[in-house]
């Protein structure tokens, strides 16, 4: 790494005019890549736990 820098996996041009207008090409591309991975490998939510038992509203005796 020293004296060479880092070679990115995906080349994205950050144009100065886009930066001035608040666009961030690297961030947009990163979000696209993450969304592709999420669509290709969706995660399943665990099943809902059972409901808690109903308690009386008054003091318990």
PDB file of N, CA and C in Angstrom:
ATOM      1  N   UNK A   1       0.806  -1.187   0.000  1.00  0.00           N
ATOM      2  CA  UNK A   1       0.000   0.000   0.000  1.00  0.00           C
ATOM      3  C   UNK A   1       0.858   1.264   0.000  1.00  0.00           C
ATOM      4  N   UNK A   2       1.944   1.210   0.701  1.00  0.00           N
ATOM      5  CA  UNK A   2       2.758   2.416   0.825  1.00  0.00           C
ATOM      6  C   UNK A   2       3.324   2.836  -0.528  1.00  0.00           C
ATOM      7  N   UNK A   3       3.266   4.107  -0.798  1.00  0.00           N
ATOM      8  CA  UNK A   3       3.793   4.727  -2.020  1.00  0.00           C
ATOM      9  C   UNK A   3       3.022   4.344  -3.282  1.00  0.00           C
ATOM     10  N   UNK A   4       1.972   3.521  -3.175  1.00  0.00           N
ATOM     11  CA  UNK A   4       1.187   3.150  -4.343  1.00  0.00           C
ATOM     12  C   UNK A   4      -0.265   3.569  -4.209  1.00  0.00           C
ATOM     13  N   UNK A   5      -0.742   3.702  -3.005  1.00  0.00           N
ATOM     14  CA  UNK A   5      -2.153   3.993  -2.815  1.00  0.00           C
ATOM     15  C   UNK A   5      -2.984   2.729  -2.885  1.00  0.00           C
ATOM     16  N   UNK A   6      -4.246   2.880  -3.154  1.00  0.00           N
ATOM     17  CA  UNK A   6      -5.178   1.763  -3.167  1.00  0.00           C
ATOM     18  C   UNK A   6      -5.887   1.729  -4.508  1.00  0.00           C
ATOM     19  N   UNK A   7      -5.973   0.563  -5.117  1.00  0.00           N
ATOM     20  CA  UNK A   7      -6.677   0.393  -6.381  1.00  0.00           C
ATOM     21  C   UNK A   7      -8.111  -0.038  -6.087  1.00  0.00           C
ATOM     22  N   UNK A   8      -9.100   0.779  -6.446  1.00  0.00           N
ATOM     23  CA  UNK A   8     -10.496   0.426  -6.142  1.00  0.00           C
ATOM     24  C   UNK A   8     -10.997  -0.724  -7.020  1.00  0.00           C
ATOM     25  N   UNK A   9     -11.987  -1.444  -6.497  1.00  0.00           N
ATOM     26  CA  UNK A   9     -12.611  -2.525  -7.264  1.00  0.00           C
ATOM     27  C   UNK A   9     -13.443  -1.971  -8.407  1.00  0.00           C
ATOM     28  N   UNK A  10     -14.054  -0.821  -8.187  1.00  0.00           N
ATOM     29  CA  UNK A  10     -14.917  -0.184  -9.182  1.00  0.00           C
ATOM     30  C   UNK A  10     -14.444   1.250  -9.369  1.00  0.00           C
ATOM     31  N   UNK A  11     -14.150   1.615 -10.599  1.00  0.00           N
ATOM     32  CA  UNK A  11     -13.708   2.979 -10.900  1.00  0.00           C
ATOM     33  C   UNK A  11     -14.928   3.878 -11.071  1.00  0.00           C
ATOM     34  N   UNK A  12     -14.954   4.980 -10.333  1.00  0.00           N
ATOM     35  CA  UNK A  12     -16.046   5.946 -10.435  1.00  0.00           C
ATOM     36  C   UNK A  12     -15.427   7.331 -10.523  1.00  0.00           C
ATOM     37  N   UNK A  13     -15.853   8.102 -11.520  1.00  0.00           N
ATOM     38  CA  UNK A  13     -15.350   9.466 -11.672  1.00  0.00           C
ATOM     39  C   UNK A  13     -16.184  10.412 -10.814  1.00  0.00           C
ATOM     40  N   UNK A  14     -15.498  11.173  -9.969  1.00  0.00           N
ATOM     41  CA  UNK A  14     -16.153  12.222  -9.195  1.00  0.00           C
ATOM     42  C   UNK A  14     -15.891  13.532  -9.924  1.00  0.00           C
ATOM     43  N   UNK A  15     -16.831  13.914 -10.748  1.00  0.00           N
ATOM     44  CA  UNK A  15     -16.639  15.134 -11.533  1.00  0.00           C
ATOM     45  C   UNK A  15     -16.833  16.361 -10.652  1.00  0.00           C
ATOM     46  N   UNK A  16     -15.991  17.377 -10.804  1.00  0.00           N
ATOM     47  CA  UNK A  16     -16.094  18.572  -9.964  1.00  0.00           C
ATOM     48  C   UNK A  16     -17.452  19.268 -10.061  1.00  0.00           C
ATOM     49  N   UNK A  17     -18.040  19.320 -11.251  1.00  0.00           N
ATOM     50  CA  UNK A  17     -19.332  19.994 -11.385  1.00  0.00           C
ATOM     51  C   UNK A  17     -20.436  19.231 -10.639  1.00  0.00           C
ATOM     52  N   UNK A  18     -20.369  17.897 -10.612  1.00  0.00           N
ATOM     53  CA  UNK A  18     -21.348  17.120  -9.846  1.00  0.00           C
ATOM     54  C   UNK A  18     -21.183  17.374  -8.350  1.00  0.00           C
ATOM     55  N   UNK A  19     -19.943  17.456  -7.897  1.00  0.00           N
ATOM     56  CA  UNK A  19     -19.688  17.700  -6.479  1.00  0.00           C
ATOM     57  C   UNK A  19     -20.237  19.061  -6.072  1.00  0.00           C
ATOM     58  N   UNK A  20     -20.075  20.060  -6.932  1.00  0.00           N
ATOM     59  CA  UNK A  20     -20.586  21.393  -6.637  1.00  0.00           C
ATOM     60  C   UNK A  20     -22.103  21.358  -6.475  1.00  0.00           C
ATOM     61  N   UNK A  21     -22.766  20.543  -7.275  1.00  0.00           N
ATOM     62  CA  UNK A  21     -24.232  20.443  -7.218  1.00  0.00           C
ATOM     63  C   UNK A  21     -24.714  19.456  -6.164  1.00  0.00           C
ATOM     64  N   UNK A  22     -23.795  18.914  -5.368  1.00  0.00           N
ATOM     65  CA  UNK A  22     -24.181  18.042  -4.267  1.00  0.00           C
ATOM     66  C   UNK A  22     -24.376  16.583  -4.650  1.00  0.00           C
ATOM     67  N   UNK A  23     -23.945  16.187  -5.830  1.00  0.00           N
ATOM     68  CA  UNK A  23     -24.047  14.787  -6.245  1.00  0.00           C
ATOM     69  C   UNK A  23     -22.767  14.069  -5.821  1.00  0.00           C
ATOM     70  N   UNK A  24     -22.906  12.828  -5.407  1.00  0.00           N
ATOM     71  CA  UNK A  24     -21.749  12.062  -4.968  1.00  0.00           C
ATOM     72  C   UNK A  24     -21.754  10.736  -5.716  1.00  0.00           C
ATOM     73  N   UNK A  25     -21.022  10.681  -6.807  1.00  0.00           N
ATOM     74  CA  UNK A  25     -21.050   9.517  -7.694  1.00  0.00           C
ATOM     75  C   UNK A  25     -20.563   8.253  -6.990  1.00  0.00           C
ATOM     76  N   UNK A  26     -19.548   8.370  -6.146  1.00  0.00           N
ATOM     77  CA  UNK A  26     -19.031   7.185  -5.461  1.00  0.00           C
ATOM     78  C   UNK A  26     -20.067   6.613  -4.501  1.00  0.00           C
ATOM     79  N   UNK A  27     -20.734   7.486  -3.758  1.00  0.00           N
ATOM     80  CA  UNK A  27     -21.760   7.024  -2.825  1.00  0.00           C
ATOM     81  C   UNK A  27     -22.931   6.402  -3.578  1.00  0.00           C
ATOM     82  N   UNK A  28     -23.363   7.032  -4.665  1.00  0.00           N
ATOM     83  CA  UNK A  28     -24.473   6.489  -5.459  1.00  0.00           C
ATOM     84  C   UNK A  28     -24.133   5.107  -6.009  1.00  0.00           C
ATOM     85  N   UNK A  29     -22.916   4.939  -6.484  1.00  0.00           N
ATOM     86  CA  UNK A  29     -22.502   3.640  -7.033  1.00  0.00           C
ATOM     87  C   UNK A  29     -22.412   2.593  -5.928  1.00  0.00           C
ATOM     88  N   UNK A  30     -21.915   2.995  -4.758  1.00  0.00           N
ATOM     89  CA  UNK A  30     -21.835   2.058  -3.634  1.00  0.00           C
ATOM     90  C   UNK A  30     -23.224   1.587  -3.232  1.00  0.00           C
ATOM     91  N   UNK A  31     -24.188   2.492  -3.205  1.00  0.00           N
ATOM     92  CA  UNK A  31     -25.566   2.123  -2.863  1.00  0.00           C
ATOM     93  C   UNK A  31     -26.126   1.160  -3.907  1.00  0.00           C
ATOM     94  N   UNK A  32     -25.841   1.389  -5.183  1.00  0.00           N
ATOM     95  CA  UNK A  32     -26.295   0.471  -6.239  1.00  0.00           C
ATOM     96  C   UNK A  32     -25.732  -0.929  -6.015  1.00  0.00           C
ATOM     97  N   UNK A  33     -24.454  -1.015  -5.677  1.00  0.00           N
ATOM     98  CA  UNK A  33     -23.818  -2.319  -5.463  1.00  0.00           C
ATOM     99  C   UNK A  33     -24.424  -3.036  -4.261  1.00  0.00           C
ATOM    100  N   UNK A  34     -24.666  -2.319  -3.186  1.00  0.00           N
ATOM    101  CA  UNK A  34     -25.266  -2.931  -1.991  1.00  0.00           C
ATOM    102  C   UNK A  34     -26.682  -3.403  -2.303  1.00  0.00           C
ATOM    103  N   UNK A  35     -27.450  -2.597  -3.026  1.00  0.00           N
ATOM    104  CA  UNK A  35     -28.820  -2.993  -3.370  1.00  0.00           C
ATOM    105  C   UNK A  35     -28.827  -4.244  -4.248  1.00  0.00           C
ATOM    106  N   UNK A  36     -27.872  -4.366  -5.163  1.00  0.00           N
ATOM    107  CA  UNK A  36     -27.766  -5.577  -5.989  1.00  0.00           C
ATOM    108  C   UNK A  36     -27.520  -6.801  -5.116  1.00  0.00           C
ATOM    109  N   UNK A  37     -26.631  -6.660  -4.138  1.00  0.00           N
ATOM    110  CA  UNK A  37     -26.321  -7.785  -3.254  1.00  0.00           C
ATOM    111  C   UNK A  37     -27.521  -8.149  -2.384  1.00  0.00           C
ATOM    112  N   UNK A  38     -28.264  -7.147  -1.927  1.00  0.00           N
ATOM    113  CA  UNK A  38     -29.456  -7.422  -1.119  1.00  0.00           C
ATOM    114  C   UNK A  38     -30.508  -8.151  -1.953  1.00  0.00           C
ATOM    115  N   UNK A  39     -30.702  -7.727  -3.199  1.00  0.00           N
ATOM    116  CA  UNK A  39     -31.683  -8.388  -4.073  1.00  0.00           C
ATOM    117  C   UNK A  39     -31.252  -9.810  -4.413  1.00  0.00           C
ATOM    118  N   UNK A  40     -29.954 -10.025  -4.590  1.00  0.00           N
ATOM    119  CA  UNK A  40     -29.456 -11.352  -4.937  1.00  0.00           C
ATOM    120  C   UNK A  40     -29.494 -12.300  -3.739  1.00  0.00           C
ATOM    121  N   UNK A  41     -29.335 -11.780  -2.532  1.00  0.00           N
ATOM    122  CA  UNK A  41     -29.291 -12.604  -1.319  1.00  0.00           C
ATOM    123  C   UNK A  41     -30.198 -12.011  -0.245  1.00  0.00           C
ATOM    124  N   UNK A  42     -31.522 -12.081  -0.435  1.00  0.00           N
ATOM    125  CA  UNK A  42     -32.407 -11.478   0.573  1.00  0.00           C
ATOM    126  C   UNK A  42     -32.342 -12.255   1.891  1.00  0.00           C
ATOM    127  N   UNK A  43     -32.448 -11.531   2.970  1.00  0.00           N
ATOM    128  CA  UNK A  43     -32.437 -12.146   4.298  1.00  0.00           C
ATOM    129  C   UNK A  43     -33.874 -12.351   4.759  1.00  0.00           C
ATOM    130  N   UNK A  44     -34.114 -13.453   5.449  1.00  0.00           N
ATOM    131  CA  UNK A  44     -35.442 -13.736   5.971  1.00  0.00           C
ATOM    132  C   UNK A  44     -35.492 -13.307   7.424  1.00  0.00           C
ATOM    133  N   UNK A  45     -36.601 -12.694   7.807  1.00  0.00           N
ATOM    134  CA  UNK A  45     -36.781 -12.291   9.197  1.00  0.00           C
ATOM    135  C   UNK A  45     -37.112 -13.514  10.049  1.00  0.00           C
ATOM    136  N   UNK A  46     -36.681 -13.524  11.304  1.00  0.00           N
ATOM    137  CA  UNK A  46     -37.046 -14.643  12.171  1.00  0.00           C
ATOM    138  C   UNK A  46     -38.544 -14.602  12.466  1.00  0.00           C
ATOM    139  N   UNK A  47     -39.126 -15.736  12.865  1.00  0.00           N
ATOM    140  CA  UNK A  47     -40.566 -15.736  13.154  1.00  0.00           C
ATOM    141  C   UNK A  47     -40.877 -14.845  14.357  1.00  0.00           C
ATOM    142  N   UNK A  48     -42.090 -14.339  14.369  1.00  0.00           N
ATOM    143  CA  UNK A  48     -42.531 -13.465  15.458  1.00  0.00           C
ATOM    144  C   UNK A  48     -42.644 -14.276  16.745  1.00  0.00           C
ATOM    145  N   UNK A  49     -42.160 -13.725  17.858  1.00  0.00           N
ATOM    146  CA  UNK A  49     -42.299 -14.458  19.125  1.00  0.00           C
ATOM    147  C   UNK A  49     -43.763 -14.505  19.546  1.00  0.00           C
ATOM    148  N   UNK A  50     -44.114 -15.449  20.408  1.00  0.00           N
ATOM    149  CA  UNK A  50     -45.518 -15.526  20.841  1.00  0.00           C
ATOM    150  C   UNK A  50     -45.915 -14.277  21.625  1.00  0.00           C
ATOM    151  N   UNK A  51     -47.202 -13.953  21.553  1.00  0.00           N
ATOM    152  CA  UNK A  51     -47.704 -12.791  22.287  1.00  0.00           C
ATOM    153  C   UNK A  51     -47.598 -13.037  23.786  1.00  0.00           C
ATOM    154  N   UNK A  52     -47.416 -11.957  24.543  1.00  0.00           N
ATOM    155  CA  UNK A  52     -47.374 -12.059  25.995  1.00  0.00           C
ATOM    156  C   UNK A  52     -48.772 -12.342  26.523  1.00  0.00           C
ATOM    157  N   UNK A  53     -48.871 -13.018  27.663  1.00  0.00           N
ATOM    158  CA  UNK A  53     -50.208 -13.274  28.214  1.00  0.00           C
ATOM    159  C   UNK A  53     -50.866 -11.981  28.673  1.00  0.00           C
ATOM    160  N   UNK A  54     -52.194 -11.962  28.660  1.00  0.00           N
ATOM    161  CA  UNK A  54     -52.941 -10.770  29.088  1.00  0.00           C
ATOM    162  C   UNK A  54     -52.890 -10.692  30.610  1.00  0.00           C
ATOM    163  N   UNK A  55     -52.614  -9.530  31.124  1.00  0.00           N
ATOM    164  CA  UNK A  55     -52.579  -9.303  32.570  1.00  0.00           C
ATOM    165  C   UNK A  55     -53.779  -8.473  32.981  1.00  0.00           C
ATOM    166  N   UNK A  56     -54.229  -8.663  34.233  1.00  0.00           N
ATOM    167  CA  UNK A  56     -55.349  -7.861  34.718  1.00  0.00           C
ATOM    168  C   UNK A  56     -54.884  -6.427  34.930  1.00  0.00           C
ATOM    169  N   UNK A  57     -55.819  -5.487  34.849  1.00  0.00           N
ATOM    170  CA  UNK A  57     -55.448  -4.086  34.984  1.00  0.00           C
ATOM    171  C   UNK A  57     -55.293  -3.657  36.431  1.00  0.00           C
ATOM    172  N   UNK A  58     -55.919  -4.357  37.347  1.00  0.00           N
ATOM    173  CA  UNK A  58     -55.834  -4.002  38.765  1.00  0.00           C
ATOM    174  C   UNK A  58     -54.654  -4.679  39.444  1.00  0.00           C
ATOM    175  N   UNK A  59     -54.472  -4.399  40.733  1.00  0.00           N
ATOM    176  CA  UNK A  59     -53.375  -5.045  41.448  1.00  0.00           C
ATOM    177  C   UNK A  59     -53.638  -6.551  41.599  1.00  0.00           C
ATOM    178  N   UNK A  60     -52.591  -7.300  41.496  1.00  0.00           N
ATOM    179  CA  UNK A  60     -52.706  -8.764  41.603  1.00  0.00           C
ATOM    180  C   UNK A  60     -52.748  -9.171  43.066  1.00  0.00           C
ATOM    181  N   UNK A  61     -53.613 -10.119  43.399  1.00  0.00           N
ATOM    182  CA  UNK A  61     -53.697 -10.614  44.771  1.00  0.00           C
ATOM    183  C   UNK A  61     -53.624 -12.099  44.801  1.00  0.00           C
TER     184      UNK A  61
END
